[in-house]
């Protein structure tokens, strides 16, 4: 996977024209949102500028890519998370949210790479997926801790506790994630036994 990014290189400039067409100045060709999504997956850094004003509109285009993926059925953003995020706009803690989300996603990305390594080792060595289960438990604990840390932001200043209804809903979502994780573990176990 090409996730390495050369920080010394300048980002590729993409120009967005009034007709919504995107132009990759490095390759001198028009591109689509799907091309930009592939560039992100490959670790290529780019900025999107409005062709007329020169304004940096990268965040809006990245949000549009996420919207397109969600519309295709590749859902990753739970409705409750989106609601909490919307509530934070205009809140006094709004300034803290981007840094928190950045740090959370970096931690998740590190765990994700570790999980991929563990799965690869499990298929090579076939030790009944013990390492994968440990990592999966670790990831679930990380997710639960992140949810607990994020909950005070949604309720306002002072870290007041989450109302019981929200706690119940969050617990149900966590239980659903645990169930999906268990299904994945069972599926991996079956795949390893078939080899």
Protein backbone atom coordinates (compact mmCIF):
# COMPACT_ATOMS: atom_id res chain seq x y z
CA UNK A 1 0.00 0.00 0.00
CA UNK A 2 1.42 3.36 -1.02
CA UNK A 3 0.71 5.41 2.06
CA UNK A 4 4.09 7.02 2.22
CA UNK A 5 3.98 10.69 1.50
CA UNK A 6 6.93 12.86 0.57
CA UNK A 7 6.54 15.85 2.86
CA UNK A 8 9.26 17.79 1.04
CA UNK A 9 7.37 17.73 -2.27
CA UNK A 10 4.86 20.45 -3.06
CA UNK A 11 1.26 19.26 -3.19
CA UNK A 12 -0.28 18.75 -6.62
CA UNK A 13 -2.50 21.66 -7.61
CA UNK A 14 -5.98 20.81 -8.81
CA UNK A 15 -8.04 23.62 -10.31
CA UNK A 16 -11.82 23.57 -10.10
CA UNK A 17 -13.61 25.47 -12.84
CA UNK A 18 -17.07 27.03 -12.77
CA UNK A 19 -18.42 24.11 -14.80
CA UNK A 20 -17.36 21.84 -11.87
CA UNK A 21 -14.55 20.27 -13.87
CA UNK A 22 -11.35 19.47 -12.01
CA UNK A 23 -7.98 19.93 -13.70
CA UNK A 24 -4.78 18.25 -12.48
CA UNK A 25 -2.01 20.76 -13.28
CA UNK A 26 0.74 18.17 -12.70
CA UNK A 27 -0.63 15.81 -15.37
CA UNK A 28 -2.31 18.45 -17.52
CA UNK A 29 -5.55 16.51 -17.59
CA UNK A 30 -9.06 16.66 -16.25
CA UNK A 31 -9.86 14.40 -13.31
CA UNK A 32 -12.93 13.26 -11.43
CA UNK A 33 -13.71 13.02 -7.73
CA UNK A 34 -12.93 9.30 -8.02
CA UNK A 35 -9.44 10.16 -9.31
CA UNK A 36 -8.93 12.46 -6.32
CA UNK A 37 -10.14 9.72 -3.96
CA UNK A 38 -7.56 7.36 -5.48
CA UNK A 39 -4.86 10.01 -4.99
CA UNK A 40 -5.81 10.25 -1.30
CA UNK A 41 -5.69 6.46 -0.94
CA UNK A 42 -2.25 6.45 -2.61
CA UNK A 43 -0.99 9.09 -0.18
CA UNK A 44 -0.60 11.81 -2.81
CA UNK A 45 -0.99 15.30 -1.38
CA UNK A 46 -2.99 17.84 -3.35
CA UNK A 47 -4.76 21.15 -2.94
CA UNK A 48 -7.84 22.23 -4.85
CA UNK A 49 -8.07 25.86 -5.84
CA UNK A 50 -10.98 27.70 -7.40
CA UNK A 51 -9.73 28.46 -10.93
CA UNK A 52 -11.26 31.94 -10.97
CA UNK A 53 -10.49 33.25 -7.47
CA UNK A 54 -7.54 31.07 -6.48
CA UNK A 55 -9.31 30.30 -3.17
CA UNK A 56 -8.31 27.03 -1.49
CA UNK A 57 -11.41 24.81 -1.58
CA UNK A 58 -9.70 21.52 -0.69
CA UNK A 59 -11.80 20.81 2.41
CA UNK A 60 -15.05 21.24 0.49
CA UNK A 61 -13.89 18.88 -2.27
CA UNK A 62 -12.72 16.27 0.27
CA UNK A 63 -16.11 16.53 2.00
CA UNK A 64 -17.75 16.04 -1.40
CA UNK A 65 -15.68 12.86 -1.95
CA UNK A 66 -16.88 11.54 1.42
CA UNK A 67 -20.48 12.42 0.53
CA UNK A 68 -20.14 10.52 -2.78
CA UNK A 69 -18.73 7.45 -1.00
CA UNK A 70 -21.55 7.54 1.54
CA UNK A 71 -24.12 7.88 -1.28
CA UNK A 72 -22.67 4.77 -2.96
CA UNK A 73 -23.46 2.79 0.18
CA UNK A 74 -19.91 2.76 1.58
CA UNK A 75 -21.16 4.14 4.89
CA UNK A 76 -18.62 4.81 7.62
CA UNK A 77 -20.08 7.82 9.38
CA UNK A 78 -22.81 6.84 11.86
CA UNK A 79 -25.77 9.21 11.96
CA UNK A 80 -25.24 9.84 15.67
CA UNK A 81 -21.64 10.92 15.02
CA UNK A 82 -22.80 13.30 12.27
CA UNK A 83 -25.43 14.77 14.59
CA UNK A 84 -22.85 15.33 17.33
CA UNK A 85 -20.52 16.95 14.83
CA UNK A 86 -23.25 19.31 13.60
CA UNK A 87 -24.07 20.26 17.20
CA UNK A 88 -20.48 21.35 17.72
CA UNK A 89 -20.58 23.99 14.99
CA UNK A 90 -20.79 27.34 16.77
CA UNK A 91 -20.13 25.72 20.16
CA UNK A 92 -17.40 27.19 22.35
CA UNK A 93 -15.43 23.96 21.94
CA UNK A 94 -15.57 24.01 18.14
CA UNK A 95 -11.90 25.01 17.95
CA UNK A 96 -10.80 21.87 19.82
CA UNK A 97 -12.68 19.39 17.63
CA UNK A 98 -10.42 19.43 14.51
CA UNK A 99 -7.30 18.66 16.55
CA UNK A 100 -9.10 15.96 18.51
CA UNK A 101 -10.46 14.31 15.36
CA UNK A 102 -7.04 14.53 13.68
CA UNK A 103 -5.35 12.83 16.64
CA UNK A 104 -8.07 10.17 16.83
CA UNK A 105 -7.76 9.34 13.13
CA UNK A 106 -3.95 9.18 13.35
CA UNK A 107 -4.25 6.72 16.24
CA UNK A 108 -6.81 4.70 14.33
CA UNK A 109 -4.57 4.66 11.23
CA UNK A 110 -1.64 3.34 13.29
CA UNK A 111 -3.86 0.61 14.75
CA UNK A 112 -5.25 -0.17 11.31
CA UNK A 113 -1.77 -0.82 9.90
CA UNK A 114 -0.95 -2.98 12.90
CA UNK A 115 -4.18 -4.93 12.37
CA UNK A 116 -3.31 -5.54 8.72
CA UNK A 117 0.10 -6.85 9.80
CA UNK A 118 -1.50 -9.15 12.36
CA UNK A 119 -3.95 -10.56 9.80
CA UNK A 120 -1.10 -11.20 7.36
CA UNK A 121 0.91 -12.97 10.07
CA UNK A 122 -2.13 -15.01 11.07
CA UNK A 123 -2.57 -16.29 7.53
CA UNK A 124 1.13 -17.08 7.28
CA UNK A 125 1.63 -18.74 10.67
CA UNK A 126 -1.97 -19.86 11.40
CA UNK A 127 -1.78 -19.61 15.24
CA UNK A 128 -5.58 -19.69 15.61
CA UNK A 129 -5.77 -15.90 15.33
CA UNK A 130 -4.77 -15.24 18.95
CA UNK A 131 -2.81 -12.13 17.98
CA UNK A 132 -5.69 -10.81 15.89
CA UNK A 133 -8.11 -11.18 18.78
CA UNK A 134 -5.79 -9.25 21.10
CA UNK A 135 -5.44 -6.45 18.57
CA UNK A 136 -9.19 -6.42 17.93
CA UNK A 137 -9.84 -6.09 21.67
CA UNK A 138 -7.28 -3.29 21.84
CA UNK A 139 -8.98 -1.47 18.93
CA UNK A 140 -12.40 -1.88 20.55
CA UNK A 141 -11.06 -0.46 23.82
CA UNK A 142 -9.54 2.44 21.90
CA UNK A 143 -12.88 3.08 20.18
CA UNK A 144 -14.81 2.97 23.46
CA UNK A 145 -12.34 5.36 25.08
CA UNK A 146 -12.59 7.72 22.11
CA UNK A 147 -16.39 7.67 22.36
CA UNK A 148 -16.17 8.43 26.10
CA UNK A 149 -13.74 11.29 25.43
CA UNK A 150 -15.91 12.73 22.66
CA UNK A 151 -19.18 12.54 24.63
CA UNK A 152 -18.38 15.47 26.96
CA UNK A 153 -17.87 17.73 23.94
CA UNK A 154 -21.37 16.95 22.77
CA UNK A 155 -22.94 17.89 26.09
CA UNK A 156 -21.18 21.22 26.55
CA UNK A 157 -18.71 22.63 29.07
CA UNK A 158 -17.82 21.05 32.36
CA UNK A 159 -17.76 17.44 31.16
CA UNK A 160 -21.30 16.74 32.30
CA UNK A 161 -22.34 13.16 31.94
CA UNK A 162 -24.17 11.92 28.88
CA UNK A 163 -27.95 11.60 29.36
CA UNK A 164 -29.11 7.98 29.92
CA UNK A 165 -30.86 7.76 26.53
CA UNK A 166 -27.68 8.77 24.69
CA UNK A 167 -25.61 6.40 26.82
CA UNK A 168 -27.99 3.57 25.98
CA UNK A 169 -27.85 4.35 22.28
CA UNK A 170 -24.05 4.58 22.35
CA UNK A 171 -23.87 1.28 24.26
CA UNK A 172 -26.10 -0.31 21.63
CA UNK A 173 -23.83 1.01 18.87
CA UNK A 174 -20.76 -0.34 20.67
CA UNK A 175 -22.50 -3.70 21.13
CA UNK A 176 -23.27 -3.72 17.40
CA UNK A 177 -19.61 -3.00 16.62
CA UNK A 178 -18.55 -5.81 18.95
CA UNK A 179 -20.97 -8.15 17.21
CA UNK A 180 -19.57 -7.20 13.78
CA UNK A 181 -16.03 -7.68 15.07
CA UNK A 182 -16.93 -11.12 16.41
CA UNK A 183 -18.44 -12.01 13.01
CA UNK A 184 -15.23 -10.91 11.29
CA UNK A 185 -13.18 -12.99 13.71
CA UNK A 186 -15.36 -16.04 13.04
CA UNK A 187 -15.06 -15.50 9.30
CA UNK A 188 -11.26 -15.21 9.56
CA UNK A 189 -11.15 -18.37 11.67
CA UNK A 190 -13.11 -20.25 8.99
CA UNK A 191 -10.77 -18.94 6.29
CA UNK A 192 -7.69 -20.05 8.24
CA UNK A 193 -9.17 -23.53 8.84
CA UNK A 194 -9.90 -23.91 5.11
CA UNK A 195 -6.21 -23.41 4.23
